[in-house]
Amino acid sequence: MKMISVREKYTLEVGSPTPVTSERQHEEYLFVVDKLASKENPTREEEKYAEVLMTLIEVYEEPHYSIPDASSVEVLRGLMDANGLRQKDLVPIFGTESIVSEVLHRKRDLNKSHIEKLSKRFRVSPAVFF
């Protein structure tokens, strides 16, 4: 088995990379990856080393830092906030302000037509509403 030779300043306290099991280890791996990423001309070995660390970081982060899925109404409210829109601004999409209100208060679901129009209006994939 060939060892990847990485300069001493990038080596980890634990020696060879292992699965991340603690927040301290996670931070250490992030620090090393950041150092390698900011290097102007990394060697192929350093790039491989960073890839291994990133894989281990991602495996650790998935259950620890995952962002829960947002409901279609939460997505819509976020898009409205980000664009400074009020209910009445969405009447052209929904037809009436009462329908906009019903959707925002979860009394009515978005239909296919609403999703198509919203995705065009906000320039996002229709998938964000599912």
N, C-alpha and C. Protein backbone atom coordinates (compact mmCIF):
# COMPACT_ATOMS: atom_id res chain seq x y z
N MET A 1 0.85 -1.18 0.00
CA MET A 1 0.00 0.00 0.00
C MET A 1 0.89 1.24 0.00
N LYS A 2 0.62 2.16 -0.92
CA LYS A 2 1.42 3.38 -1.05
C LYS A 2 0.80 4.48 -0.20
N MET A 3 1.61 5.13 0.57
CA MET A 3 1.15 6.25 1.40
C MET A 3 1.14 7.51 0.55
N ILE A 4 0.16 8.34 0.73
CA ILE A 4 0.13 9.62 0.05
C ILE A 4 1.04 10.56 0.82
N SER A 5 2.01 11.12 0.12
CA SER A 5 2.92 12.03 0.82
C SER A 5 2.37 13.44 0.73
N VAL A 6 1.97 13.94 1.87
CA VAL A 6 1.45 15.29 1.96
C VAL A 6 2.34 16.04 2.93
N ARG A 7 2.65 17.25 2.57
CA ARG A 7 3.55 18.02 3.41
C ARG A 7 3.10 18.01 4.87
N GLU A 8 4.06 18.06 5.75
CA GLU A 8 3.83 17.99 7.19
C GLU A 8 2.77 18.98 7.68
N LYS A 9 2.75 20.19 7.11
CA LYS A 9 1.82 21.20 7.60
C LYS A 9 0.36 20.85 7.34
N TYR A 10 0.10 19.86 6.49
CA TYR A 10 -1.28 19.47 6.21
C TYR A 10 -1.67 18.18 6.92
N THR A 11 -0.75 17.54 7.58
CA THR A 11 -1.09 16.27 8.22
C THR A 11 -1.98 16.52 9.42
N LEU A 12 -2.75 15.53 9.74
CA LEU A 12 -3.69 15.63 10.84
C LEU A 12 -3.10 15.03 12.10
N GLU A 13 -3.62 15.47 13.23
CA GLU A 13 -3.16 14.92 14.51
C GLU A 13 -3.39 13.41 14.56
N VAL A 14 -4.43 12.95 13.90
CA VAL A 14 -4.77 11.53 13.95
C VAL A 14 -3.97 10.71 12.94
N GLY A 15 -3.10 11.36 12.17
CA GLY A 15 -2.32 10.64 11.16
C GLY A 15 -3.13 10.47 9.90
N SER A 16 -3.29 9.25 9.45
CA SER A 16 -4.08 9.00 8.24
C SER A 16 -5.55 9.33 8.49
N PRO A 17 -6.23 9.87 7.48
CA PRO A 17 -7.64 10.22 7.66
C PRO A 17 -8.49 9.01 8.03
N THR A 18 -9.39 9.23 8.96
CA THR A 18 -10.33 8.19 9.41
C THR A 18 -11.72 8.80 9.41
N PRO A 19 -12.77 8.00 9.48
CA PRO A 19 -14.12 8.58 9.54
C PRO A 19 -14.24 9.58 10.69
N VAL A 20 -14.94 10.66 10.43
CA VAL A 20 -15.11 11.73 11.41
C VAL A 20 -16.10 11.28 12.48
N THR A 21 -15.69 11.38 13.74
CA THR A 21 -16.55 10.93 14.84
C THR A 21 -16.81 12.01 15.89
N SER A 22 -16.22 13.19 15.72
CA SER A 22 -16.43 14.25 16.72
C SER A 22 -16.40 15.62 16.04
N GLU A 23 -16.96 16.58 16.73
CA GLU A 23 -16.96 17.95 16.22
C GLU A 23 -15.53 18.48 16.11
N ARG A 24 -14.67 18.13 17.05
CA ARG A 24 -13.28 18.58 17.01
C ARG A 24 -12.58 18.05 15.76
N GLN A 25 -12.79 16.78 15.48
CA GLN A 25 -12.19 16.16 14.31
C GLN A 25 -12.77 16.79 13.03
N HIS A 26 -14.04 17.05 13.02
CA HIS A 26 -14.70 17.71 11.89
C HIS A 26 -14.05 19.06 11.62
N GLU A 27 -13.87 19.86 12.66
CA GLU A 27 -13.25 21.18 12.51
C GLU A 27 -11.82 21.07 12.01
N GLU A 28 -11.10 20.08 12.52
CA GLU A 28 -9.72 19.87 12.09
C GLU A 28 -9.66 19.53 10.60
N TYR A 29 -10.51 18.65 10.15
CA TYR A 29 -10.54 18.28 8.73
C TYR A 29 -10.92 19.48 7.86
N LEU A 30 -11.90 20.28 8.32
CA LEU A 30 -12.29 21.48 7.57
C LEU A 30 -11.12 22.45 7.46
N PHE A 31 -10.37 22.60 8.55
CA PHE A 31 -9.22 23.50 8.57
C PHE A 31 -8.19 23.06 7.53
N VAL A 32 -7.88 21.78 7.50
CA VAL A 32 -6.89 21.26 6.56
C VAL A 32 -7.38 21.41 5.12
N VAL A 33 -8.66 21.11 4.87
CA VAL A 33 -9.20 21.25 3.52
C VAL A 33 -9.15 22.71 3.09
N ASP A 34 -9.46 23.62 4.01
CA ASP A 34 -9.40 25.05 3.70
C ASP A 34 -7.98 25.46 3.33
N LYS A 35 -7.01 24.98 4.09
CA LYS A 35 -5.60 25.29 3.79
C LYS A 35 -5.22 24.77 2.41
N LEU A 36 -5.61 23.55 2.11
CA LEU A 36 -5.29 22.96 0.82
C LEU A 36 -6.01 23.70 -0.32
N ALA A 37 -7.25 24.10 -0.09
CA ALA A 37 -8.03 24.79 -1.12
C ALA A 37 -7.47 26.17 -1.43
N SER A 38 -6.85 26.79 -0.44
CA SER A 38 -6.31 28.13 -0.67
C SER A 38 -4.89 28.10 -1.24
N LYS A 39 -4.35 26.91 -1.39
CA LYS A 39 -3.00 26.77 -1.94
C LYS A 39 -3.03 27.05 -3.44
N GLU A 40 -2.06 27.82 -3.92
CA GLU A 40 -2.05 28.21 -5.33
C GLU A 40 -1.86 27.05 -6.30
N ASN A 41 -0.88 26.21 -6.09
CA ASN A 41 -0.61 25.09 -6.99
C ASN A 41 -0.47 23.79 -6.21
N PRO A 42 -1.60 23.22 -5.77
CA PRO A 42 -1.48 21.97 -5.00
C PRO A 42 -0.97 20.83 -5.87
N THR A 43 -0.25 19.92 -5.24
CA THR A 43 0.22 18.74 -5.97
C THR A 43 -0.96 17.79 -6.16
N ARG A 44 -0.78 16.81 -7.01
CA ARG A 44 -1.84 15.81 -7.23
C ARG A 44 -2.11 15.05 -5.93
N GLU A 45 -1.07 14.78 -5.15
CA GLU A 45 -1.25 14.09 -3.87
C GLU A 45 -2.07 14.93 -2.91
N GLU A 46 -1.81 16.24 -2.88
CA GLU A 46 -2.58 17.12 -2.00
C GLU A 46 -4.03 17.19 -2.44
N GLU A 47 -4.28 17.19 -3.74
CA GLU A 47 -5.65 17.19 -4.24
C GLU A 47 -6.37 15.91 -3.83
N LYS A 48 -5.70 14.78 -3.94
CA LYS A 48 -6.29 13.49 -3.54
C LYS A 48 -6.59 13.48 -2.05
N TYR A 49 -5.66 14.01 -1.27
CA TYR A 49 -5.81 14.07 0.18
C TYR A 49 -7.04 14.91 0.53
N ALA A 50 -7.18 16.06 -0.13
CA ALA A 50 -8.33 16.94 0.12
C ALA A 50 -9.63 16.23 -0.27
N GLU A 51 -9.62 15.47 -1.36
CA GLU A 51 -10.82 14.74 -1.78
C GLU A 51 -11.23 13.71 -0.73
N VAL A 52 -10.25 13.01 -0.19
CA VAL A 52 -10.54 12.02 0.86
C VAL A 52 -11.14 12.71 2.08
N LEU A 53 -10.55 13.82 2.48
CA LEU A 53 -11.06 14.55 3.64
C LEU A 53 -12.48 15.06 3.38
N MET A 54 -12.72 15.59 2.18
CA MET A 54 -14.06 16.10 1.86
C MET A 54 -15.10 14.98 1.90
N THR A 55 -14.75 13.82 1.43
CA THR A 55 -15.66 12.69 1.47
C THR A 55 -16.00 12.34 2.93
N LEU A 56 -14.99 12.30 3.77
CA LEU A 56 -15.22 11.98 5.18
C LEU A 56 -16.03 13.07 5.87
N ILE A 57 -15.77 14.32 5.50
CA ILE A 57 -16.54 15.45 6.06
C ILE A 57 -18.00 15.34 5.65
N GLU A 58 -18.26 15.08 4.38
CA GLU A 58 -19.63 14.98 3.89
C GLU A 58 -20.41 13.86 4.58
N VAL A 59 -19.76 12.72 4.78
CA VAL A 59 -20.40 11.60 5.45
C VAL A 59 -20.79 12.00 6.88
N TYR A 60 -19.92 12.75 7.56
CA TYR A 60 -20.20 13.20 8.93
C TYR A 60 -21.34 14.24 8.93
N GLU A 61 -21.29 15.17 7.96
CA GLU A 61 -22.24 16.28 7.97
C GLU A 61 -23.66 15.87 7.62
N GLU A 62 -23.82 14.85 6.80
CA GLU A 62 -25.16 14.46 6.35
C GLU A 62 -26.14 14.30 7.51
N PRO A 63 -25.85 13.47 8.52
CA PRO A 63 -26.82 13.35 9.62
C PRO A 63 -26.73 14.48 10.65
N HIS A 64 -25.58 15.17 10.72
CA HIS A 64 -25.39 16.18 11.76
C HIS A 64 -25.80 17.59 11.34
N TYR A 65 -25.75 17.89 10.05
CA TYR A 65 -26.01 19.25 9.60
C TYR A 65 -27.04 19.31 8.48
N SER A 66 -27.85 18.29 8.32
CA SER A 66 -28.81 18.30 7.22
C SER A 66 -29.90 19.36 7.48
N ILE A 67 -30.35 19.95 6.39
CA ILE A 67 -31.40 20.96 6.47
C ILE A 67 -32.72 20.27 6.14
N PRO A 68 -33.69 20.38 7.03
CA PRO A 68 -34.96 19.72 6.76
C PRO A 68 -35.63 20.31 5.52
N ASP A 69 -36.37 19.49 4.82
CA ASP A 69 -37.09 19.96 3.64
C ASP A 69 -38.13 20.99 4.07
N ALA A 70 -38.28 22.01 3.24
CA ALA A 70 -39.28 23.03 3.50
C ALA A 70 -40.56 22.67 2.75
N SER A 71 -41.69 23.03 3.33
CA SER A 71 -42.96 22.80 2.65
C SER A 71 -43.09 23.79 1.50
N SER A 72 -44.00 23.52 0.58
CA SER A 72 -44.19 24.43 -0.55
C SER A 72 -44.60 25.82 -0.08
N VAL A 73 -45.38 25.90 1.00
CA VAL A 73 -45.80 27.20 1.53
C VAL A 73 -44.60 27.93 2.13
N GLU A 74 -43.73 27.21 2.84
CA GLU A 74 -42.52 27.84 3.39
C GLU A 74 -41.62 28.36 2.28
N VAL A 75 -41.50 27.60 1.21
CA VAL A 75 -40.71 28.04 0.06
C VAL A 75 -41.33 29.30 -0.53
N LEU A 76 -42.65 29.28 -0.74
CA LEU A 76 -43.33 30.43 -1.31
C LEU A 76 -43.17 31.66 -0.43
N ARG A 77 -43.35 31.50 0.88
CA ARG A 77 -43.19 32.63 1.80
C ARG A 77 -41.75 33.17 1.75
N GLY A 78 -40.78 32.28 1.68
CA GLY A 78 -39.38 32.69 1.58
C GLY A 78 -39.11 33.48 0.31
N LEU A 79 -39.67 33.01 -0.80
CA LEU A 79 -39.51 33.73 -2.07
C LEU A 79 -40.20 35.09 -2.04
N MET A 80 -41.36 35.13 -1.41
CA MET A 80 -42.07 36.41 -1.28
C MET A 80 -41.24 37.39 -0.45
N ASP A 81 -40.72 36.93 0.69
CA ASP A 81 -39.89 37.78 1.55
C ASP A 81 -38.65 38.27 0.81
N ALA A 82 -37.99 37.36 0.13
CA ALA A 82 -36.75 37.70 -0.57
C ALA A 82 -36.98 38.72 -1.68
N ASN A 83 -38.20 38.74 -2.22
CA ASN A 83 -38.51 39.65 -3.31
C ASN A 83 -39.40 40.82 -2.89
N GLY A 84 -39.63 40.94 -1.59
CA GLY A 84 -40.43 42.05 -1.07
C GLY A 84 -41.87 42.06 -1.59
N LEU A 85 -42.47 40.89 -1.71
CA LEU A 85 -43.83 40.79 -2.24
C LEU A 85 -44.86 40.57 -1.14
N ARG A 86 -46.07 41.05 -1.42
CA ARG A 86 -47.20 40.82 -0.52
C ARG A 86 -48.21 39.92 -1.22
N GLN A 87 -49.22 39.51 -0.50
CA GLN A 87 -50.24 38.62 -1.07
C GLN A 87 -50.80 39.16 -2.38
N LYS A 88 -51.15 40.45 -2.37
CA LYS A 88 -51.79 41.03 -3.56
C LYS A 88 -50.89 40.99 -4.79
N ASP A 89 -49.56 40.91 -4.57
CA ASP A 89 -48.63 40.85 -5.70
C ASP A 89 -48.71 39.51 -6.44
N LEU A 90 -49.31 38.50 -5.80
CA LEU A 90 -49.41 37.18 -6.42
C LEU A 90 -50.78 36.90 -7.05
N VAL A 91 -51.66 37.89 -7.03
CA VAL A 91 -52.99 37.72 -7.63
C VAL A 91 -52.91 37.32 -9.10
N PRO A 92 -51.97 37.89 -9.91
CA PRO A 92 -51.90 37.44 -11.31
C PRO A 92 -51.61 35.94 -11.46
N ILE A 93 -50.98 35.36 -10.49
CA ILE A 93 -50.65 33.93 -10.55
C ILE A 93 -51.83 33.08 -10.07
N PHE A 94 -52.47 33.51 -8.99
CA PHE A 94 -53.52 32.71 -8.37
C PHE A 94 -54.94 33.08 -8.78
N GLY A 95 -55.12 34.26 -9.33
CA GLY A 95 -56.45 34.68 -9.76
C GLY A 95 -57.13 35.65 -8.82
N THR A 96 -57.13 35.34 -7.53
CA THR A 96 -57.73 36.24 -6.54
C THR A 96 -56.86 36.27 -5.29
N GLU A 97 -57.03 37.34 -4.52
CA GLU A 97 -56.27 37.46 -3.27
C GLU A 97 -56.73 36.42 -2.25
N SER A 98 -58.00 36.02 -2.33
CA SER A 98 -58.49 35.02 -1.38
C SER A 98 -57.83 33.66 -1.64
N ILE A 99 -57.57 33.32 -2.90
CA ILE A 99 -56.88 32.06 -3.19
C ILE A 99 -55.44 32.13 -2.68
N VAL A 100 -54.79 33.28 -2.87
CA VAL A 100 -53.43 33.46 -2.34
C VAL A 100 -53.45 33.23 -0.84
N SER A 101 -54.42 33.83 -0.15
CA SER A 101 -54.54 33.69 1.30
C SER A 101 -54.76 32.24 1.71
N GLU A 102 -55.64 31.54 1.00
CA GLU A 102 -55.91 30.14 1.32
C GLU A 102 -54.65 29.28 1.17
N VAL A 103 -53.88 29.54 0.12
CA VAL A 103 -52.63 28.78 -0.09
C VAL A 103 -51.65 29.08 1.04
N LEU A 104 -51.48 30.37 1.35
CA LEU A 104 -50.52 30.76 2.39
C LEU A 104 -50.91 30.28 3.78
N HIS A 105 -52.20 30.05 4.00
CA HIS A 105 -52.67 29.55 5.29
C HIS A 105 -52.96 28.05 5.26
N ARG A 106 -52.46 27.38 4.23
CA ARG A 106 -52.54 25.93 4.08
C ARG A 106 -53.97 25.39 4.02
N LYS A 107 -54.87 26.21 3.53
CA LYS A 107 -56.26 25.76 3.37
C LYS A 107 -56.50 25.25 1.95
N ARG A 108 -55.52 25.52 1.07
CA ARG A 108 -55.61 25.08 -0.32
C ARG A 108 -54.19 24.73 -0.77
N ASP A 109 -54.08 23.64 -1.51
CA ASP A 109 -52.76 23.23 -2.03
C ASP A 109 -52.45 23.95 -3.33
N LEU A 110 -51.15 24.07 -3.59
CA LEU A 110 -50.74 24.59 -4.90
C LEU A 110 -51.10 23.56 -5.95
N ASN A 111 -51.62 24.01 -7.09
CA ASN A 111 -51.88 23.07 -8.17
C ASN A 111 -50.79 23.20 -9.24
N LYS A 112 -50.90 22.39 -10.25
CA LYS A 112 -49.86 22.36 -11.30
C LYS A 112 -49.68 23.72 -11.96
N SER A 113 -50.79 24.38 -12.25
CA SER A 113 -50.74 25.69 -12.89
C SER A 113 -50.05 26.72 -12.00
N HIS A 114 -50.38 26.71 -10.69
CA HIS A 114 -49.74 27.63 -9.75
C HIS A 114 -48.23 27.40 -9.74
N ILE A 115 -47.84 26.15 -9.65
CA ILE A 115 -46.41 25.80 -9.57
C ILE A 115 -45.67 26.25 -10.83
N GLU A 116 -46.27 26.02 -12.00
CA GLU A 116 -45.64 26.44 -13.25
C GLU A 116 -45.46 27.96 -13.28
N LYS A 117 -46.51 28.69 -12.89
CA LYS A 117 -46.44 30.16 -12.91
C LYS A 117 -45.46 30.69 -11.86
N LEU A 118 -45.47 30.09 -10.68
CA LEU A 118 -44.54 30.52 -9.62
C LEU A 118 -43.08 30.27 -10.02
N SER A 119 -42.83 29.11 -10.62
CA SER A 119 -41.45 28.80 -11.01
C SER A 119 -40.96 29.78 -12.07
N LYS A 120 -41.84 30.19 -12.99
CA LYS A 120 -41.46 31.19 -13.99
C LYS A 120 -41.28 32.56 -13.33
N ARG A 121 -42.19 32.91 -12.45
CA ARG A 121 -42.14 34.23 -11.79
C ARG A 121 -40.86 34.41 -10.98
N PHE A 122 -40.48 33.36 -10.24
CA PHE A 122 -39.32 33.46 -9.36
C PHE A 122 -38.04 32.88 -9.99
N ARG A 123 -38.17 32.37 -11.21
CA ARG A 123 -37.03 31.76 -11.93
C ARG A 123 -36.37 30.66 -11.11
N VAL A 124 -37.20 29.74 -10.64
CA VAL A 124 -36.72 28.57 -9.88
C VAL A 124 -37.31 27.32 -10.51
N SER A 125 -36.72 26.20 -10.21
CA SER A 125 -37.23 24.93 -10.70
C SER A 125 -38.58 24.63 -10.03
N PRO A 126 -39.53 24.07 -10.78
CA PRO A 126 -40.80 23.67 -10.15
C PRO A 126 -40.58 22.70 -8.99
N ALA A 127 -39.47 21.98 -9.02
CA ALA A 127 -39.18 20.98 -7.97
C ALA A 127 -39.10 21.60 -6.58
N VAL A 128 -38.78 22.89 -6.46
CA VAL A 128 -38.68 23.49 -5.12
C VAL A 128 -40.01 23.52 -4.39
N PHE A 129 -41.11 23.36 -5.14
CA PHE A 129 -42.43 23.39 -4.52
C PHE A 129 -42.96 22.00 -4.15
N PHE A 130 -42.14 20.98 -4.34
CA PHE A 130 -42.56 19.61 -4.01
C PHE A 130 -41.88 19.12 -2.76
